[in-house]
Amino acid sequence: MIDNACYSSIKIRLLVGVKSMWTMANLKYGEKNDFEALLGMRTGYVLDFTNRQFREFVLDSVRLDIEDPVIGSTGSKAVRLRHFWNNQPDHIVGRLMNDLVERTSEENAVLRKRCIAAAERLSKSAAVQDASVISEFSGVEEFEQLAAGVRQIAHVYREICPLGVPAPRFNRRSG
């Protein structure tokens, strides 16, 4: 039997740890300005999306709900996208930004090329933070990184739970 306080402590430590690993995307000031210019964000819009279309696009791209206040805050589409930049890891932001840039016209080729380079840099520079990125983005299983993550979780558990308390068992849900 797991002590509820111990289990709650594990959940809190893991959530805090995940948040500290995923502070914000490593977007440089110039890259942010380039994305804002290319996507027309200075007016509060993102391209020509309606709210519904923007939500569906983000869901399709990165499987996150931009209308969730934790994911995209509240406000205009541009405000929500800026919040997303500040609260999601590099690989997620890179994937979304690459997908958004693909929807832009070839009108400003130089700006578009800089945005593509920034999105690709974000996508490639991110360390694997959770198991979903292995199957969703890389296509190649990064076993050593996954094993390191499991070892880190086990270390946190041993650190905050007394000896002799069994580790929680998580049942795999069938989908």
C-alpha atoms as a PDB file:
ATOM      1  CA  MET A   1       0.000   0.000   0.000  1.00  0.00           C
ATOM      2  CA  ILE A   2       1.390   3.408  -0.970  1.00  0.00           C
ATOM      3  CA  ASP A   3       1.252   6.238   1.476  1.00  0.00           C
ATOM      4  CA  ASN A   4      -0.949   8.937  -0.148  1.00  0.00           C
ATOM      5  CA  ALA A   5       1.301  11.757   1.049  1.00  0.00           C
ATOM      6  CA  CYS A   6       4.296  10.016  -0.487  1.00  0.00           C
ATOM      7  CA  TYR A   7       2.490   9.468  -3.785  1.00  0.00           C
ATOM      8  CA  SER A   8       1.333  13.112  -3.880  1.00  0.00           C
ATOM      9  CA  SER A   9       4.868  14.231  -3.170  1.00  0.00           C
ATOM     10  CA  ILE A  10       6.115  12.158  -6.101  1.00  0.00           C
ATOM     11  CA  LYS A  11       3.557  13.712  -8.431  1.00  0.00           C
ATOM     12  CA  ILE A  12       4.439  17.247  -7.298  1.00  0.00           C
ATOM     13  CA  ARG A  13       8.197  16.678  -7.613  1.00  0.00           C
ATOM     14  CA  LEU A  14       7.798  15.149 -11.065  1.00  0.00           C
ATOM     15  CA  LEU A  15       5.566  17.967 -12.275  1.00  0.00           C
ATOM     16  CA  VAL A  16       7.946  20.609 -10.916  1.00  0.00           C
ATOM     17  CA  GLY A  17      10.875  18.755 -12.462  1.00  0.00           C
ATOM     18  CA  VAL A  18       9.181  18.535 -15.836  1.00  0.00           C
ATOM     19  CA  LYS A  19       8.290  22.237 -15.729  1.00  0.00           C
ATOM     20  CA  SER A  20      11.888  23.176 -14.890  1.00  0.00           C
ATOM     21  CA  MET A  21      13.156  21.058 -17.798  1.00  0.00           C
ATOM     22  CA  TRP A  22      10.619  22.665 -20.134  1.00  0.00           C
ATOM     23  CA  THR A  23      10.910  26.308 -19.203  1.00  0.00           C
ATOM     24  CA  MET A  24      10.627  27.926 -22.591  1.00  0.00           C
ATOM     25  CA  ALA A  25      11.692  27.482 -26.157  1.00  0.00           C
ATOM     26  CA  ASN A  26      15.135  28.785 -26.915  1.00  0.00           C
ATOM     27  CA  LEU A  27      13.905  31.374 -29.428  1.00  0.00           C
ATOM     28  CA  LYS A  28      16.236  34.302 -29.982  1.00  0.00           C
ATOM     29  CA  TYR A  29      14.917  37.867 -30.107  1.00  0.00           C
ATOM     30  CA  GLY A  30      15.494  38.153 -33.856  1.00  0.00           C
ATOM     31  CA  GLU A  31      13.814  34.818 -34.510  1.00  0.00           C
ATOM     32  CA  LYS A  32      10.740  35.919 -32.580  1.00  0.00           C
ATOM     33  CA  ASN A  33      10.591  39.099 -34.642  1.00  0.00           C
ATOM     34  CA  ASP A  34      10.954  37.088 -37.860  1.00  0.00           C
ATOM     35  CA  PHE A  35       8.114  34.735 -36.893  1.00  0.00           C
ATOM     36  CA  GLU A  36       5.921  37.653 -35.842  1.00  0.00           C
ATOM     37  CA  ALA A  37       6.513  39.424 -39.156  1.00  0.00           C
ATOM     38  CA  LEU A  38       6.002  36.320 -41.313  1.00  0.00           C
ATOM     39  CA  LEU A  39       2.841  35.228 -39.498  1.00  0.00           C
ATOM     40  CA  GLY A  40       1.344  38.749 -39.227  1.00  0.00           C
ATOM     41  CA  MET A  41       1.220  38.594 -35.431  1.00  0.00           C
ATOM     42  CA  ARG A  42       1.594  42.295 -34.717  1.00  0.00           C
ATOM     43  CA  THR A  43      -2.140  42.770 -35.224  1.00  0.00           C
ATOM     44  CA  GLY A  44      -3.055  39.935 -32.839  1.00  0.00           C
ATOM     45  CA  TYR A  45      -3.738  37.447 -35.622  1.00  0.00           C
ATOM     46  CA  VAL A  46      -1.774  34.431 -36.800  1.00  0.00           C
ATOM     47  CA  LEU A  47      -1.954  34.151 -40.578  1.00  0.00           C
ATOM     48  CA  ASP A  48      -5.624  34.057 -41.632  1.00  0.00           C
ATOM     49  CA  PHE A  49      -6.805  31.564 -39.003  1.00  0.00           C
ATOM     50  CA  THR A  50     -10.100  31.861 -37.207  1.00  0.00           C
ATOM     51  CA  ASN A  51      -9.995  30.823 -33.543  1.00  0.00           C
ATOM     52  CA  ARG A  52     -11.451  27.414 -34.390  1.00  0.00           C
ATOM     53  CA  GLN A  53      -9.044  26.867 -37.288  1.00  0.00           C
ATOM     54  CA  PHE A  54      -6.044  27.887 -35.183  1.00  0.00           C
ATOM     55  CA  ARG A  55      -7.036  25.501 -32.407  1.00  0.00           C
ATOM     56  CA  GLU A  56      -7.508  22.618 -34.855  1.00  0.00           C
ATOM     57  CA  PHE A  57      -4.232  23.402 -36.624  1.00  0.00           C
ATOM     58  CA  VAL A  58      -2.260  23.328 -33.359  1.00  0.00           C
ATOM     59  CA  LEU A  59      -4.017  20.126 -32.276  1.00  0.00           C
ATOM     60  CA  ASP A  60      -3.109  18.467 -35.581  1.00  0.00           C
ATOM     61  CA  SER A  61       0.467  19.745 -35.478  1.00  0.00           C
ATOM     62  CA  VAL A  62       1.561  19.076 -31.890  1.00  0.00           C
ATOM     63  CA  ARG A  63      -1.471  17.425 -30.215  1.00  0.00           C
ATOM     64  CA  LEU A  64      -1.857  20.258 -27.692  1.00  0.00           C
ATOM     65  CA  ASP A  65      -4.921  22.451 -27.160  1.00  0.00           C
ATOM     66  CA  ILE A  66      -3.856  26.082 -27.638  1.00  0.00           C
ATOM     67  CA  GLU A  67      -7.101  27.190 -25.956  1.00  0.00           C
ATOM     68  CA  ASP A  68      -6.117  25.483 -22.709  1.00  0.00           C
ATOM     69  CA  PRO A  69      -4.951  28.385 -20.479  1.00  0.00           C
ATOM     70  CA  VAL A  70      -1.873  26.409 -19.425  1.00  0.00           C
ATOM     71  CA  ILE A  71      -0.878  25.700 -23.020  1.00  0.00           C
ATOM     72  CA  GLY A  72      -1.868  28.914 -24.793  1.00  0.00           C
ATOM     73  CA  SER A  73      -3.090  31.316 -22.114  1.00  0.00           C
ATOM     74  CA  THR A  74      -5.990  33.571 -23.136  1.00  0.00           C
ATOM     75  CA  GLY A  75      -6.305  36.447 -25.542  1.00  0.00           C
ATOM     76  CA  SER A  76      -5.645  36.871 -29.228  1.00  0.00           C
ATOM     77  CA  LYS A  77      -4.135  34.138 -31.343  1.00  0.00           C
ATOM     78  CA  ALA A  78      -0.801  36.008 -31.310  1.00  0.00           C
ATOM     79  CA  VAL A  79      -0.860  36.271 -27.495  1.00  0.00           C
ATOM     80  CA  ARG A  80      -1.609  32.555 -27.218  1.00  0.00           C
ATOM     81  CA  LEU A  81       1.217  31.667 -29.609  1.00  0.00           C
ATOM     82  CA  ARG A  82       3.694  33.842 -27.660  1.00  0.00           C
ATOM     83  CA  HIS A  83       2.601  32.121 -24.440  1.00  0.00           C
ATOM     84  CA  PHE A  84       3.122  28.780 -26.182  1.00  0.00           C
ATOM     85  CA  TRP A  85       6.702  29.808 -27.069  1.00  0.00           C
ATOM     86  CA  ASN A  86       7.363  30.678 -23.432  1.00  0.00           C
ATOM     87  CA  ASN A  87       5.913  27.486 -21.956  1.00  0.00           C
ATOM     88  CA  GLN A  88       6.741  24.614 -24.294  1.00  0.00           C
ATOM     89  CA  PRO A  89       9.986  22.777 -25.033  1.00  0.00           C
ATOM     90  CA  ASP A  90      12.076  23.363 -28.142  1.00  0.00           C
ATOM     91  CA  HIS A  91      10.956  20.271 -30.058  1.00  0.00           C
ATOM     92  CA  ILE A  92       7.256  21.115 -29.657  1.00  0.00           C
ATOM     93  CA  VAL A  93       7.661  24.782 -30.603  1.00  0.00           C
ATOM     94  CA  GLY A  94       9.918  23.837 -33.512  1.00  0.00           C
ATOM     95  CA  ARG A  95       7.358  21.406 -34.882  1.00  0.00           C
ATOM     96  CA  LEU A  96       4.490  23.907 -34.662  1.00  0.00           C
ATOM     97  CA  MET A  97       6.517  26.764 -36.119  1.00  0.00           C
ATOM     98  CA  ASN A  98       7.692  24.607 -39.011  1.00  0.00           C
ATOM     99  CA  ASP A  99       4.093  23.650 -39.765  1.00  0.00           C
ATOM    100  CA  LEU A 100       2.978  27.295 -39.574  1.00  0.00           C
ATOM    101  CA  VAL A 101       5.776  28.480 -41.864  1.00  0.00           C
ATOM    102  CA  GLU A 102       4.764  25.831 -44.410  1.00  0.00           C
ATOM    103  CA  ARG A 103       1.380  27.603 -44.677  1.00  0.00           C
ATOM    104  CA  THR A 104       2.924  30.960 -45.592  1.00  0.00           C
ATOM    105  CA  SER A 105       3.299  32.237 -49.136  1.00  0.00           C
ATOM    106  CA  GLU A 106       6.610  32.319 -50.958  1.00  0.00           C
ATOM    107  CA  GLU A 107       6.297  36.131 -51.115  1.00  0.00           C
ATOM    108  CA  ASN A 108       9.100  36.983 -48.677  1.00  0.00           C
ATOM    109  CA  ALA A 109      11.565  34.185 -49.393  1.00  0.00           C
ATOM    110  CA  VAL A 110      14.400  35.567 -47.256  1.00  0.00           C
ATOM    111  CA  LEU A 111      12.228  35.952 -44.142  1.00  0.00           C
ATOM    112  CA  ARG A 112      10.610  32.576 -44.733  1.00  0.00           C
ATOM    113  CA  LYS A 113      14.019  30.908 -45.069  1.00  0.00           C
ATOM    114  CA  ARG A 114      15.187  32.403 -41.741  1.00  0.00           C
ATOM    115  CA  CYS A 115      12.003  31.161 -40.040  1.00  0.00           C
ATOM    116  CA  ILE A 116      12.438  27.659 -41.452  1.00  0.00           C
ATOM    117  CA  ALA A 117      16.034  27.604 -40.170  1.00  0.00           C
ATOM    118  CA  ALA A 118      14.890  28.719 -36.691  1.00  0.00           C
ATOM    119  CA  ALA A 119      12.129  26.080 -36.577  1.00  0.00           C
ATOM    120  CA  GLU A 120      14.526  23.348 -37.674  1.00  0.00           C
ATOM    121  CA  ARG A 121      17.099  24.452 -35.087  1.00  0.00           C
ATOM    122  CA  LEU A 122      14.478  24.202 -32.334  1.00  0.00           C
ATOM    123  CA  SER A 123      13.326  20.785 -33.527  1.00  0.00           C
ATOM    124  CA  LYS A 124      16.863  19.390 -33.635  1.00  0.00           C
ATOM    125  CA  SER A 125      18.258  20.990 -30.491  1.00  0.00           C
ATOM    126  CA  ALA A 126      15.684  19.603 -28.093  1.00  0.00           C
ATOM    127  CA  ALA A 127      16.569  16.766 -25.801  1.00  0.00           C
ATOM    128  CA  VAL A 128      13.975  14.053 -25.418  1.00  0.00           C
ATOM    129  CA  GLN A 129      11.948  15.021 -22.347  1.00  0.00           C
ATOM    130  CA  ASP A 130       9.180  12.463 -22.512  1.00  0.00           C
ATOM    131  CA  ALA A 131       8.475   9.167 -24.218  1.00  0.00           C
ATOM    132  CA  SER A 132       5.888  10.623 -26.608  1.00  0.00           C
ATOM    133  CA  VAL A 133       8.522  12.586 -28.504  1.00  0.00           C
ATOM    134  CA  ILE A 134      10.266   9.350 -29.452  1.00  0.00           C
ATOM    135  CA  SER A 135       7.355   7.984 -31.421  1.00  0.00           C
ATOM    136  CA  GLU A 136       5.786  11.255 -32.518  1.00  0.00           C
ATOM    137  CA  PHE A 137       8.753  13.237 -33.767  1.00  0.00           C
ATOM    138  CA  SER A 138      11.943  11.259 -34.187  1.00  0.00           C
ATOM    139  CA  GLY A 139      10.741   8.025 -35.757  1.00  0.00           C
ATOM    140  CA  VAL A 140      13.800   6.376 -34.140  1.00  0.00           C
ATOM    141  CA  GLU A 141      13.684   5.002 -30.629  1.00  0.00           C
ATOM    142  CA  GLU A 142      16.234   6.752 -28.425  1.00  0.00           C
ATOM    143  CA  PHE A 143      16.545   3.978 -25.876  1.00  0.00           C
ATOM    144  CA  GLU A 144      19.429   5.442 -23.856  1.00  0.00           C
ATOM    145  CA  GLN A 145      17.616   8.765 -23.354  1.00  0.00           C
ATOM    146  CA  LEU A 146      14.432   6.982 -22.390  1.00  0.00           C
ATOM    147  CA  ALA A 147      16.322   4.773 -19.927  1.00  0.00           C
ATOM    148  CA  ALA A 148      17.982   7.860 -18.405  1.00  0.00           C
ATOM    149  CA  GLY A 149      14.540   9.393 -17.862  1.00  0.00           C
ATOM    150  CA  VAL A 150      13.285   6.265 -16.132  1.00  0.00           C
ATOM    151  CA  ARG A 151      16.381   6.212 -13.907  1.00  0.00           C
ATOM    152  CA  GLN A 152      15.762   9.869 -12.997  1.00  0.00           C
ATOM    153  CA  ILE A 153      12.168   9.136 -11.975  1.00  0.00           C
ATOM    154  CA  ALA A 154      13.355   6.165  -9.894  1.00  0.00           C
ATOM    155  CA  HIS A 155      15.942   8.385  -8.182  1.00  0.00           C
ATOM    156  CA  VAL A 156      13.281  10.986  -7.317  1.00  0.00           C
ATOM    157  CA  TYR A 157      11.065   8.247  -5.895  1.00  0.00           C
ATOM    158  CA  ARG A 158      13.861   6.838  -3.726  1.00  0.00           C
ATOM    159  CA  GLU A 159      14.774  10.331  -2.539  1.00  0.00           C
ATOM    160  CA  ILE A 160      11.335  11.320  -1.281  1.00  0.00           C
ATOM    161  CA  CYS A 161       9.762   8.032  -0.176  1.00  0.00           C
ATOM    162  CA  PRO A 162      10.832   6.000   2.834  1.00  0.00           C
ATOM    163  CA  LEU A 163      12.503   2.650   2.382  1.00  0.00           C
ATOM    164  CA  GLY A 164      10.152  -0.239   2.186  1.00  0.00           C
ATOM    165  CA  VAL A 165       7.307   1.699   0.519  1.00  0.00           C
ATOM    166  CA  PRO A 166       6.590  -0.008  -2.805  1.00  0.00           C
ATOM    167  CA  ALA A 167       6.790   2.049  -5.975  1.00  0.00           C
ATOM    168  CA  PRO A 168       3.419   2.948  -7.501  1.00  0.00           C
ATOM    169  CA  ARG A 169       2.151   0.663 -10.245  1.00  0.00           C
ATOM    170  CA  PHE A 170       0.715   2.336 -13.276  1.00  0.00           C
ATOM    171  CA  ASN A 171      -1.744   0.265 -15.241  1.00  0.00           C
ATOM    172  CA  ARG A 172      -1.437   0.515 -18.973  1.00  0.00           C
ATOM    173  CA  ARG A 173      -4.703   1.636 -20.463  1.00  0.00           C
ATOM    174  CA  SER A 174      -5.850   0.004 -23.630  1.00  0.00           C
ATOM    175  CA  GLY A 175      -6.595   2.525 -26.326  1.00  0.00           C
END
